[in-house]
Protein backbone atom coordinates (compact mmCIF):
# COMPACT_ATOMS: atom_id res chain seq x y z
CA MET A 1 -26.26 74.49 147.85
CA SER A 2 -25.39 75.61 151.42
CA HIS A 3 -22.65 78.15 152.00
CA ARG A 4 -20.56 75.50 153.78
CA CYS A 5 -20.94 73.01 150.94
CA LYS A 6 -20.09 75.68 148.42
CA ILE A 7 -16.86 76.53 150.26
CA PHE A 8 -15.97 72.81 150.39
CA PHE A 9 -16.67 72.41 146.68
CA LEU A 10 -14.58 75.42 145.67
CA SER A 11 -11.72 74.31 147.94
CA PHE A 12 -11.82 70.88 146.32
CA LEU A 13 -11.81 72.48 142.87
CA LEU A 14 -8.82 74.69 143.70
CA CYS A 15 -6.89 71.68 144.99
CA LEU A 16 -7.51 69.91 141.70
CA ILE A 17 -6.37 72.93 139.69
CA PHE A 18 -3.27 73.22 141.89
CA SER A 19 -2.40 69.58 141.23
CA VAL A 20 -2.49 70.30 137.46
CA VAL A 21 -0.35 73.43 137.65
CA LEU A 22 2.26 71.83 139.93
CA PRO A 23 2.74 68.23 138.74
CA LYS A 24 4.78 65.68 140.60
CA SER A 25 7.77 66.33 138.30
CA VAL A 26 8.95 69.16 140.58
CA LEU A 27 10.11 66.45 142.97
CA PHE A 28 12.69 65.33 140.40
CA ALA A 29 13.94 68.81 139.41
CA ASP A 30 16.96 68.84 141.73
CA THR A 31 18.21 65.47 140.44
CA ILE A 32 17.82 66.52 136.79
CA ASP A 33 19.67 69.81 137.46
CA GLU A 34 22.54 67.89 139.07
CA LEU A 35 22.79 65.64 136.00
CA ARG A 36 22.83 68.67 133.70
CA VAL A 37 25.81 70.08 135.61
CA LYS A 38 27.68 66.78 135.17
CA ILE A 39 26.84 66.71 131.44
CA ALA A 40 28.14 70.29 131.05
CA GLU A 41 31.40 69.29 132.78
CA ARG A 42 31.92 66.49 130.27
CA GLU A 43 31.15 68.78 127.34
CA ASP A 44 33.83 71.20 128.59
CA ALA A 45 36.34 68.35 128.86
CA ILE A 46 35.51 67.28 125.29
CA LYS A 47 36.12 70.81 123.96
CA ALA A 48 39.55 70.96 125.64
CA LEU A 49 40.52 67.56 124.21
CA GLU A 50 39.34 68.52 120.72
CA ILE A 51 41.68 71.54 120.76
CA GLU A 52 44.55 69.19 121.61
CA ILE A 53 43.49 66.77 118.84
CA ALA A 54 43.37 69.58 116.26
CA LYS A 55 46.96 70.59 117.10
CA THR A 56 48.19 67.01 116.74
CA GLN A 57 46.34 66.61 113.43
CA ALA A 58 48.05 69.77 112.15
CA ASP A 59 51.42 68.20 113.00
CA ILE A 60 50.40 65.01 111.15
CA ASP A 61 49.29 66.96 108.06
CA ASN A 62 52.52 68.95 108.07
CA THR A 63 54.64 65.80 108.22
CA ARG A 64 52.60 64.09 105.47
CA GLY A 65 53.25 67.08 103.22
CA GLN A 66 56.96 66.38 103.44
CA GLN A 67 58.99 63.74 101.64
CA LYS A 68 58.03 60.17 102.54
CA THR A 69 61.04 59.11 104.54
CA LEU A 70 61.47 56.59 107.30
CA ALA A 71 61.89 59.33 109.92
CA ASN A 72 58.74 61.15 108.77
CA THR A 73 56.75 57.91 108.70
CA ILE A 74 57.76 57.06 112.27
CA LYS A 75 56.98 60.63 113.38
CA THR A 76 53.55 60.39 111.75
CA LEU A 77 52.80 57.07 113.46
CA ASP A 78 53.80 58.55 116.83
CA ASN A 79 51.53 61.56 116.29
CA GLU A 80 48.67 59.37 115.08
CA ARG A 81 48.92 57.28 118.24
CA LYS A 82 48.99 60.44 120.37
CA LYS A 83 45.90 61.74 118.55
CA LEU A 84 44.08 58.41 118.90
CA LEU A 85 44.71 58.30 122.65
CA SER A 86 43.15 61.77 122.93
CA GLU A 87 40.22 60.66 120.77
CA ILE A 88 39.71 57.67 123.07
CA LYS A 89 39.34 60.13 125.95
CA VAL A 90 36.83 62.18 123.91
CA THR A 91 34.77 59.11 123.07
CA THR A 92 34.81 58.02 126.72
CA GLN A 93 33.56 61.47 127.79
CA LYS A 94 30.84 61.37 125.13
CA ILE A 95 29.72 57.94 126.33
CA ASN A 96 29.55 59.22 129.92
CA ALA A 97 27.59 62.30 128.80
CA ARG A 98 25.10 60.22 126.81
CA GLU A 99 24.61 57.85 129.75
CA LEU A 100 23.82 60.86 131.96
CA GLU A 101 21.38 62.17 129.33
CA ILE A 102 19.59 58.82 129.29
CA GLU A 103 19.44 58.87 133.10
CA SER A 104 18.01 62.40 133.02
CA LEU A 105 15.43 61.43 130.40
CA GLY A 106 14.56 58.35 132.45
CA ILE A 107 13.78 60.53 135.45
CA GLY A 108 11.71 62.84 133.25
CA ILE A 109 9.82 59.88 131.79
CA GLN A 110 9.14 58.55 135.30
CA SER A 111 7.92 61.98 136.40
CA LYS A 112 5.61 62.41 133.40
CA THR A 113 4.22 58.89 133.78
CA LEU A 114 3.40 59.63 137.43
CA SER A 115 1.89 62.99 136.47
CA ILE A 116 -0.34 61.34 133.86
CA SER A 117 -1.55 58.82 136.45
CA ASN A 118 -2.31 61.53 139.02
CA ASN A 119 -4.05 63.75 136.49
CA LYS A 120 -6.22 60.85 135.33
CA GLU A 121 -7.32 60.27 138.93
CA SER A 122 -8.11 63.97 139.38
CA LEU A 123 -10.00 64.03 136.09
CA ALA A 124 -12.08 61.02 137.10
CA GLU A 125 -13.02 62.69 140.39
CA MET A 126 -14.00 65.93 138.65
CA LEU A 127 -16.17 64.04 136.17
CA ARG A 128 -17.88 62.27 139.07
CA VAL A 129 -18.69 65.58 140.79
CA LYS A 130 -19.87 67.08 137.50
CA ASP A 131 -22.18 64.11 136.91
CA ILE A 132 -23.72 64.60 140.39
CA LEU A 133 -24.33 68.29 139.76
CA GLU A 134 -25.77 67.73 136.30
CA SER A 135 -27.96 64.81 137.38
CA GLN A 136 -30.19 67.12 139.42
CA SER A 137 -33.23 68.45 137.62
CA THR A 138 -33.79 72.19 137.54
CA LEU A 139 -36.76 71.87 139.94
CA THR A 140 -34.74 69.74 142.40
CA ALA A 141 -31.85 72.19 142.27
CA LEU A 142 -34.22 75.11 142.97
CA LEU A 143 -35.80 73.29 145.92
CA ASN A 144 -32.38 72.33 147.36
CA ASN A 145 -31.18 75.95 147.38
CA SER A 146 -32.58 78.39 149.92
CA ALA A 147 -32.26 81.32 147.55
CA LEU A 148 -32.31 81.87 143.80
CA SER A 149 -28.78 83.28 144.01
CA ASP A 150 -27.57 79.94 145.42
CA TYR A 151 -29.09 78.19 142.42
CA TRP A 152 -27.28 80.44 139.96
CA ASP A 153 -24.06 80.00 141.94
CA ALA A 154 -24.43 76.23 141.57
CA ILE A 155 -24.84 76.60 137.79
CA HIS A 156 -21.76 78.84 137.71
CA ASP A 157 -19.78 76.23 139.67
CA THR A 158 -20.83 73.56 137.17
CA ILE A 159 -19.65 75.70 134.25
CA LEU A 160 -16.37 76.40 136.03
CA LEU A 161 -15.88 72.69 136.67
CA SER A 162 -16.51 71.91 132.98
CA ALA A 163 -13.84 74.42 131.97
CA THR A 164 -11.42 72.90 134.48
CA ILE A 165 -12.07 69.43 133.05
CA GLU A 166 -11.30 70.69 129.53
CA ASN A 167 -8.07 72.22 130.83
CA GLN A 168 -7.20 68.95 132.56
CA ILE A 169 -7.67 67.02 129.31
CA GLU A 170 -5.37 69.45 127.47
CA GLN A 171 -2.78 69.09 130.25
CA LEU A 172 -2.91 65.31 129.92
CA LYS A 173 -2.48 65.51 126.14
CA SER A 174 0.51 67.85 126.51
CA ILE A 175 2.20 65.64 129.11
CA LYS A 176 1.59 62.55 126.94
CA ASP A 177 3.10 64.27 123.86
CA ASN A 178 6.16 65.32 125.89
CA LEU A 179 6.50 61.78 127.22
CA GLU A 180 6.51 60.33 123.70
CA THR A 181 9.13 62.92 122.64
CA ASP A 182 11.36 61.97 125.59
CA MET A 183 11.05 58.26 124.79
CA THR A 184 11.98 58.86 121.13
CA GLU A 185 14.97 60.97 122.16
CA ALA A 186 16.10 58.32 124.65
CA GLU A 187 15.99 55.66 121.92
CA SER A 188 18.03 57.90 119.60
CA ILE A 189 20.65 58.46 122.31
CA ARG A 190 20.84 54.70 123.00
CA ARG A 191 21.57 54.13 119.31
CA GLU A 192 24.25 56.84 119.39
CA LEU A 193 25.67 55.25 122.53
CA SER A 194 25.94 51.92 120.72
CA ASN A 195 27.86 53.60 117.87
CA LEU A 196 30.15 55.36 120.36
CA SER A 197 30.89 52.08 122.14
CA ARG A 198 31.87 50.46 118.83
CA ARG A 199 34.00 53.47 118.00
CA LEU A 200 35.78 53.33 121.37
CA SER A 201 36.60 49.66 120.87
CA GLY A 202 37.87 50.42 117.37
CA GLN A 203 39.99 53.37 118.47
CA LYS A 204 41.75 51.23 121.05
CA GLU A 205 42.43 48.64 118.35
CA VAL A 206 43.87 51.29 116.00
CA ALA A 207 46.05 52.79 118.74
CA ASP A 208 47.54 49.35 119.40
CA GLY A 209 47.88 48.83 115.64
CA THR A 210 49.96 51.98 115.11
CA LEU A 211 52.39 50.82 117.76
CA SER A 212 52.65 47.40 116.11
CA GLN A 213 53.05 48.97 112.65
CA LYS A 214 55.87 51.18 113.89
CA GLN A 215 57.70 48.18 115.29
CA LYS A 216 57.24 46.20 112.06
CA ILE A 217 58.65 49.05 109.96
CA LEU A 218 61.67 49.47 112.21
CA THR A 219 62.31 45.73 112.17
CA ALA A 220 61.89 45.38 108.39
CA THR A 221 64.08 48.37 107.58
CA LYS A 222 66.60 47.85 110.37
CA ASN A 223 66.06 51.57 110.88
CA LYS A 224 67.73 52.33 107.53
CA GLU A 225 66.30 54.82 105.04
CA SER A 226 67.59 52.88 102.02
CA GLU A 227 65.73 49.75 103.14
CA TYR A 228 62.54 51.76 103.66
CA GLN A 229 62.66 53.23 100.14
CA LYS A 230 63.27 49.75 98.73
CA ILE A 231 60.11 48.48 100.48
CA LEU A 232 58.06 51.40 99.12
CA ASN A 233 59.20 50.67 95.56
CA GLN A 234 58.36 46.99 95.96
CA GLN A 235 54.84 47.87 97.14
CA VAL A 236 54.23 50.06 94.09
CA ALA A 237 55.40 47.29 91.75
CA ILE A 238 53.19 44.69 93.43
CA ARG A 239 50.21 47.05 93.37
CA ASN A 240 50.61 47.75 89.64
CA THR A 241 50.83 44.08 88.73
CA PHE A 242 47.98 43.10 91.02
CA GLU A 243 45.71 45.83 89.63
CA LYS A 244 46.28 44.61 86.08
CA GLU A 245 45.59 41.03 87.14
CA LEU A 246 42.31 42.07 88.77
CA SER A 247 41.28 44.32 85.86
CA ASP A 248 41.87 41.52 83.34
CA PHE A 249 39.66 39.21 85.40
CA GLU A 250 36.83 41.75 85.87
CA SER A 251 36.80 42.64 82.18
CA GLN A 252 35.85 39.03 81.43
CA LEU A 253 32.88 39.02 83.82
CA ASN A 254 29.43 39.35 82.31
CA PHE A 255 26.73 39.47 84.97
CA ALA A 256 23.13 40.21 84.01
CA ILE A 257 22.24 43.69 85.28
CA ASP A 258 18.70 45.02 84.90
CA PRO A 259 18.87 48.86 84.76
CA SER A 260 15.22 49.08 85.83
CA GLY A 261 16.24 47.62 89.20
CA LEU A 262 18.39 50.66 89.98
CA PRO A 263 17.03 53.72 91.79
CA THR A 264 16.58 56.99 89.95
CA THR A 265 19.72 59.08 90.27
CA GLY A 266 19.55 62.07 92.56
CA ALA A 267 20.93 63.56 95.76
CA GLY A 268 19.99 61.76 98.95
CA VAL A 269 19.48 58.25 97.57
CA LEU A 270 22.54 57.38 99.66
CA GLY A 271 23.97 59.20 102.65
CA TRP A 272 27.60 60.30 102.91
CA PRO A 273 29.70 57.72 104.76
CA LEU A 274 31.60 60.39 106.73
CA ASP A 275 30.43 63.34 108.81
CA LYS A 276 32.93 65.73 107.21
CA ILE A 277 33.33 65.50 103.44
CA LYS A 278 36.49 66.27 101.51
CA ILE A 279 36.69 64.58 98.11
CA THR A 280 40.32 63.90 97.23
CA GLN A 281 39.66 61.92 94.04
CA TYR A 282 36.55 61.61 91.89
CA PHE A 283 35.07 58.71 89.91
CA GLY A 284 36.24 57.74 86.43
CA ASN A 285 39.12 59.07 84.37
CA THR A 286 40.38 61.62 86.85
CA ASP A 287 43.65 63.50 86.48
CA PHE A 288 45.27 61.14 88.98
CA ALA A 289 43.96 58.09 87.11
CA ALA A 290 45.16 59.53 83.80
CA THR A 291 48.66 60.22 85.12
CA HIS A 292 48.84 56.78 86.79
CA PRO A 293 47.36 54.48 84.11
CA GLN A 294 49.36 51.57 85.52
CA LEU A 295 47.24 51.73 88.69
CA TYR A 296 43.89 51.62 86.90
CA SER A 297 44.74 49.76 83.71
CA GLY A 298 43.25 52.65 81.78
CA GLY A 299 39.81 52.03 83.32
CA GLY A 300 39.76 55.03 85.61
CA HIS A 301 39.00 55.27 89.31
CA ASN A 302 36.15 52.92 90.32
CA GLY A 303 34.86 55.03 93.22
CA ILE A 304 35.57 58.25 95.08
CA ASP A 305 38.20 58.93 97.72
CA LEU A 306 37.29 60.91 100.82
CA GLY A 307 39.97 62.45 102.99
CA ALA A 308 39.74 61.08 106.53
CA ALA A 309 42.19 60.85 109.40
CA ILE A 310 42.93 57.37 110.74
CA GLY A 311 40.23 56.37 113.23
CA THR A 312 37.40 58.45 111.70
CA SER A 313 33.96 56.82 112.03
CA VAL A 314 32.73 55.30 108.76
CA LYS A 315 28.95 55.05 108.45
CA SER A 316 26.63 52.93 106.35
CA ALA A 317 25.28 54.95 103.42
CA SER A 318 21.81 53.41 103.78
CA ASP A 319 19.90 50.60 105.47
CA GLY A 320 21.11 47.19 104.43
CA VAL A 321 22.87 43.93 105.19
CA VAL A 322 26.62 43.40 105.38
CA LYS A 323 27.44 40.94 102.59
CA GLY A 324 31.04 40.53 103.63
CA ALA A 325 34.14 42.05 105.18
CA GLY A 326 37.78 41.18 104.86
CA ASN A 327 41.39 42.23 104.58
CA THR A 328 43.33 41.81 101.34
CA ASP A 329 46.57 42.60 103.19
CA THR A 330 46.54 39.11 104.70
CA ALA A 331 47.20 37.60 101.26
CA CYS A 332 48.64 40.52 99.31
CA PRO A 333 49.98 43.27 101.61
CA GLY A 334 49.74 46.80 100.27
CA ALA A 335 48.22 45.78 96.93
CA ALA A 336 44.47 46.35 97.07
CA TYR A 337 41.66 47.47 99.38
CA GLY A 338 43.21 46.45 102.68
CA LYS A 339 40.37 46.16 105.19
CA TRP A 340 37.01 46.42 103.41
CA ILE A 341 33.24 46.10 103.99
CA LEU A 342 30.53 45.47 101.39
CA VAL A 343 26.92 46.42 102.27
CA GLU A 344 23.93 45.44 100.13
CA HIS A 345 21.05 47.92 100.30
CA ASN A 346 17.35 47.52 99.61
CA ASN A 347 17.33 49.70 96.48
CA GLY A 348 19.44 47.69 94.04
CA LEU A 349 22.72 49.30 95.12
CA SER A 350 25.66 47.98 97.12
CA THR A 351 28.44 50.06 98.67
CA LEU A 352 32.09 49.32 99.39
CA TYR A 353 34.17 50.95 102.14
CA ALA A 354 37.91 50.33 101.80
CA HIS A 355 41.34 51.07 103.35
CA LEU A 356 39.77 50.81 106.82
CA SER A 357 41.75 50.50 110.03
CA VAL A 358 38.94 48.72 111.90
CA ILE A 359 35.97 46.60 110.80
CA SER A 360 33.12 46.81 113.34
CA VAL A 361 30.57 44.54 111.60
CA SER A 362 30.52 41.08 110.08
CA ALA A 363 28.74 39.26 107.25
CA GLY A 364 25.02 39.12 107.94
CA SER A 365 24.92 42.19 110.20
CA VAL A 366 21.83 44.33 109.64
CA VAL A 367 22.74 48.01 109.56
CA LYS A 368 20.77 51.23 109.54
CA SER A 369 21.68 54.34 107.59
CA GLY A 370 24.28 56.23 109.62
CA ASP A 371 25.37 53.27 111.75
CA THR A 372 29.10 53.14 112.43
CA ILE A 373 30.46 50.09 110.59
CA GLY A 374 34.19 50.73 110.92
CA LEU A 375 36.97 53.28 111.19
CA SER A 376 38.90 54.81 108.31
CA GLY A 377 42.55 53.99 107.87
CA ASN A 378 45.48 53.53 105.54
CA THR A 379 45.48 49.79 104.82
CA GLY A 380 45.98 48.18 101.42
CA TYR A 381 47.48 50.29 98.67
CA SER A 382 47.00 53.83 99.90
CA THR A 383 49.05 56.98 99.35
CA GLY A 384 47.67 58.40 102.60
CA PRO A 385 44.79 57.93 105.08
CA HIS A 386 41.43 58.10 103.30
CA LEU A 387 38.18 56.23 102.67
CA HIS A 388 37.65 54.64 99.27
CA PHE A 389 33.90 54.51 98.56
CA THR A 390 32.47 52.51 95.65
CA VAL A 391 28.84 52.13 94.54
CA TYR A 392 27.81 49.01 92.59
CA ALA A 393 24.71 47.75 90.87
CA THR A 394 24.09 44.86 93.29
CA GLN A 395 23.42 42.38 90.48
CA GLY A 396 26.92 42.96 89.12
CA VAL A 397 29.12 42.43 92.18
CA ARG A 398 30.26 39.24 93.94
CA ILE A 399 32.60 38.46 96.81
CA MET A 400 35.07 35.87 95.54
CA ASP A 401 38.18 34.00 96.57
CA ARG A 402 40.86 34.53 93.94
CA LYS A 403 44.30 33.03 93.72
CA SER A 404 46.82 35.72 92.89
CA LYS A 405 49.86 34.92 90.79
CA VAL A 406 51.37 38.19 91.95
CA CYS A 407 51.10 37.54 95.67
CA ASN A 408 51.21 33.74 95.64
CA GLY A 409 48.17 33.66 97.90
CA VAL A 410 44.37 33.57 97.88
CA TYR A 411 42.64 36.89 98.48
CA ASN A 412 38.96 37.46 99.28
CA MET A 413 37.34 40.67 98.04
CA PRO A 414 34.46 42.09 95.98
CA VAL A 415 34.87 41.81 92.21
CA ALA A 416 32.45 43.24 89.67
CA ASP A 417 31.45 43.33 86.05
CA LEU A 418 32.92 46.64 84.86
CA LYS A 419 29.47 47.95 83.94
CA ALA A 420 28.36 47.45 87.58
CA TYR A 421 30.54 50.33 88.78
CA LEU A 422 28.41 53.44 89.27
CA ASN A 423 29.37 57.04 89.98
CA PRO A 424 28.74 57.55 93.72
CA LEU A 425 28.03 61.26 93.19
CA SER A 426 24.96 60.30 91.14
CA TYR A 427 23.33 59.07 94.36
CA LEU A 428 24.89 61.12 97.18
């Protein structure tokens, strides 16, 4: 190999190596950095809003700890609306931040795709040169070089090129792995974005609902405490009678339930339906159930109660299909589950989410574990905002229309053979 050819070859080789070390992605660095600054700004705004929300929630908790009077109820509704409006701002900021993250990942994916294409072209060219060098026989190579040292230099160049090719292949593999990671992350963020969008829509609905509820209370009570207390007592009486009516009906049901169709008990069979867990009442004959037998007809609590502020995201406990959703308050206000959702899972279990403020799914919706399906609330018979969570053996639960003698209306809700009620903590 002539000295001039050798210099050309080494220059070509260095250019190839340089293209590997400095991929095309550097061209996108400034744009990605700008997006990161915008994302950080939104995260700072979220932190400030969350401090404001925490203060308002403290005011709500303080008022709820006081006697249930008309004035305290109105004050609580005002604070809940104030908190919800702040949460709407938080959700909006989170949506904006996630959209920027997807944009940033999109730029990164574009950069890596371009880098893979360029590296493949460089690799193909290196392989072509290597094939030319290796195709020469030893005798031909010796004759083509004026000195033995040139021959050994050519062999050295071939070895160096082989090492560069191996490095190029590793670079391609690394870029491809990073690309797949980015695409997976982008898909995860898109799913989170979908949940946030549903939550935003629900929060706006709840904020409007608190305003409407306040007006209804003021109209019904004529702003008089005595009228408000009378309404509360009427709700308790209706709830007690309705619960007995329902319990009598369920005790007569006898659905075939095959125990072998149920999953083995253990933690993690189902996921928690809330991000933050505070159990306020357990399953079965709890102290509250024992001291309020009229509410449970002596049968105990048929699920668990989880403390949750109005507007908290409620998530599906596992993959499944929404079997139904409804609102018992339309037929029997303040007597039962209020707004509820029933999800049938693939493992022989079904789960109920009750006292919701917003229902974000409908019958037939396919849900994944962790998907937002609604927002917690205080509908139906509820002594305070919380999520009622029940686990059934799927074979033992049905959604039925029932005419209530208590409410003089037809309500639609899940009813179950009493042996179909399972302790949620056996699967969470």
